[in-house]
Amino acid sequence: MTALESEILEALIRLENAATGATTGQRESVLPLVQRVSELTHALPPGTSPDLLHYLHKRSYEKARFWLQGRDAENAQGNCGHV
């Protein structure tokens, strides 16, 4: 995993925790975290996995997190026909 991918994974975990209130017990604003993930996504270099790019561009953040954690097999097929 590259340093940039690691930053994306960290941001995705923070985003999930903020949305569910897992860390603080109450939901937090997710907009700054979504913006950060978007910034990091745009910084990914050519040659980045097409699957990861697909998940991030479609904002399938749980699927992106699974992919980054080596758990891509757990991803269910989406409406677009892509796993």
C-alpha atoms as a PDB file:
ATOM      1  CA  MET A   1       0.000   0.000   0.000  1.00  0.00           C
ATOM      2  CA  THR A   2       1.346   3.414  -0.938  1.00  0.00           C
ATOM      3  CA  ALA A   3       1.500   6.314   1.517  1.00  0.00           C
ATOM      4  CA  LEU A   4      -1.334   8.035  -0.348  1.00  0.00           C
ATOM      5  CA  GLU A   5      -3.489   4.901  -0.217  1.00  0.00           C
ATOM      6  CA  SER A   6      -2.772   4.680   3.501  1.00  0.00           C
ATOM      7  CA  GLU A   7      -3.966   8.282   3.921  1.00  0.00           C
ATOM      8  CA  ILE A   8      -7.130   7.443   1.994  1.00  0.00           C
ATOM      9  CA  LEU A   9      -7.776   4.405   4.185  1.00  0.00           C
ATOM     10  CA  GLU A  10      -7.329   6.497   7.324  1.00  0.00           C
ATOM     11  CA  ALA A  11      -9.714   9.139   5.976  1.00  0.00           C
ATOM     12  CA  LEU A  12     -12.287   6.484   5.048  1.00  0.00           C
ATOM     13  CA  ILE A  13     -12.166   5.003   8.546  1.00  0.00           C
ATOM     14  CA  ARG A  14     -12.550   8.475  10.082  1.00  0.00           C
ATOM     15  CA  LEU A  15     -15.466   9.144   7.728  1.00  0.00           C
ATOM     16  CA  GLU A  16     -17.240   5.944   8.732  1.00  0.00           C
ATOM     17  CA  ASN A  17     -16.680   6.663  12.431  1.00  0.00           C
ATOM     18  CA  ALA A  18     -17.993  10.218  12.053  1.00  0.00           C
ATOM     19  CA  ALA A  19     -21.089   9.079  10.163  1.00  0.00           C
ATOM     20  CA  THR A  20     -21.965   6.370  12.677  1.00  0.00           C
ATOM     21  CA  GLY A  21     -20.797   8.086  15.840  1.00  0.00           C
ATOM     22  CA  ALA A  22     -18.624   5.069  16.614  1.00  0.00           C
ATOM     23  CA  THR A  23     -15.883   7.120  18.246  1.00  0.00           C
ATOM     24  CA  THR A  24     -17.722   9.896  20.088  1.00  0.00           C
ATOM     25  CA  GLY A  25     -21.168   8.376  20.507  1.00  0.00           C
ATOM     26  CA  GLN A  26     -22.721  11.028  18.308  1.00  0.00           C
ATOM     27  CA  ARG A  27     -22.645  11.672  14.592  1.00  0.00           C
ATOM     28  CA  GLU A  28     -20.272  14.332  13.336  1.00  0.00           C
ATOM     29  CA  SER A  29     -20.165  16.385  10.158  1.00  0.00           C
ATOM     30  CA  VAL A  30     -18.848  14.239   7.345  1.00  0.00           C
ATOM     31  CA  LEU A  31     -18.457  16.978   4.721  1.00  0.00           C
ATOM     32  CA  PRO A  32     -14.825  17.842   5.576  1.00  0.00           C
ATOM     33  CA  LEU A  33     -13.920  14.152   5.494  1.00  0.00           C
ATOM     34  CA  VAL A  34     -15.661  13.570   2.167  1.00  0.00           C
ATOM     35  CA  GLN A  35     -13.789  16.576   0.773  1.00  0.00           C
ATOM     36  CA  ARG A  36     -10.496  15.158   2.055  1.00  0.00           C
ATOM     37  CA  VAL A  37     -11.149  11.763   0.450  1.00  0.00           C
ATOM     38  CA  SER A  38     -11.971  13.559  -2.803  1.00  0.00           C
ATOM     39  CA  GLU A  39      -8.716  15.559  -2.656  1.00  0.00           C
ATOM     40  CA  LEU A  40      -6.690  12.436  -1.998  1.00  0.00           C
ATOM     41  CA  THR A  41      -8.488  10.573  -4.790  1.00  0.00           C
ATOM     42  CA  HIS A  42      -7.546  13.273  -7.293  1.00  0.00           C
ATOM     43  CA  ALA A  43      -3.916  13.007  -6.155  1.00  0.00           C
ATOM     44  CA  LEU A  44      -3.667   9.301  -6.980  1.00  0.00           C
ATOM     45  CA  PRO A  45      -1.061   8.638  -9.677  1.00  0.00           C
ATOM     46  CA  PRO A  46      -1.571   6.978 -13.051  1.00  0.00           C
ATOM     47  CA  GLY A  47      -1.391   3.235 -12.662  1.00  0.00           C
ATOM     48  CA  THR A  48      -3.604   3.191  -9.565  1.00  0.00           C
ATOM     49  CA  SER A  49      -5.854   0.143  -9.446  1.00  0.00           C
ATOM     50  CA  PRO A  50      -8.909   0.666 -11.676  1.00  0.00           C
ATOM     51  CA  ASP A  51     -11.052  -1.050  -9.029  1.00  0.00           C
ATOM     52  CA  LEU A  52      -9.948   1.367  -6.319  1.00  0.00           C
ATOM     53  CA  LEU A  53     -10.496   4.350  -8.612  1.00  0.00           C
ATOM     54  CA  HIS A  54     -13.957   3.062  -9.528  1.00  0.00           C
ATOM     55  CA  TYR A  55     -14.971   2.724  -5.881  1.00  0.00           C
ATOM     56  CA  LEU A  56     -13.645   6.158  -4.963  1.00  0.00           C
ATOM     57  CA  HIS A  57     -15.114   7.982  -7.978  1.00  0.00           C
ATOM     58  CA  LYS A  58     -18.516   6.374  -7.354  1.00  0.00           C
ATOM     59  CA  ARG A  59     -18.174   7.204  -3.645  1.00  0.00           C
ATOM     60  CA  SER A  60     -18.499   3.554  -2.721  1.00  0.00           C
ATOM     61  CA  TYR A  61     -16.378   4.254   0.307  1.00  0.00           C
ATOM     62  CA  GLU A  62     -17.021   0.985   2.134  1.00  0.00           C
ATOM     63  CA  LYS A  63     -15.936  -0.938  -0.970  1.00  0.00           C
ATOM     64  CA  ALA A  64     -12.836   1.254  -1.265  1.00  0.00           C
ATOM     65  CA  ARG A  65     -12.035   0.617   2.399  1.00  0.00           C
ATOM     66  CA  PHE A  66     -12.439  -3.136   1.936  1.00  0.00           C
ATOM     67  CA  TRP A  67     -10.192  -3.015  -1.155  1.00  0.00           C
ATOM     68  CA  LEU A  68      -7.503  -1.109   0.736  1.00  0.00           C
ATOM     69  CA  GLN A  69      -7.735  -3.535   3.654  1.00  0.00           C
ATOM     70  CA  GLY A  70      -7.261  -6.532   1.339  1.00  0.00           C
ATOM     71  CA  ARG A  71     -10.889  -7.573   1.821  1.00  0.00           C
ATOM     72  CA  ASP A  72     -12.124  -6.998  -1.748  1.00  0.00           C
ATOM     73  CA  ALA A  73     -13.686 -10.477  -1.793  1.00  0.00           C
ATOM     74  CA  GLU A  74     -16.259  -9.168   0.721  1.00  0.00           C
ATOM     75  CA  ASN A  75     -17.513  -6.535  -1.722  1.00  0.00           C
ATOM     76  CA  ALA A  76     -20.961  -7.210  -3.148  1.00  0.00           C
ATOM     77  CA  GLN A  77     -21.755  -6.490  -6.772  1.00  0.00           C
ATOM     78  CA  GLY A  78     -23.160  -3.004  -7.205  1.00  0.00           C
ATOM     79  CA  ASN A  79     -25.994  -1.723  -9.377  1.00  0.00           C
ATOM     80  CA  CYS A  80     -23.494  -0.782 -12.077  1.00  0.00           C
ATOM     81  CA  GLY A  81     -22.491  -4.437 -12.477  1.00  0.00           C
ATOM     82  CA  HIS A  82     -19.061  -3.838 -11.000  1.00  0.00           C
ATOM     83  CA  VAL A  83     -18.098  -5.762  -7.906  1.00  0.00           C
END
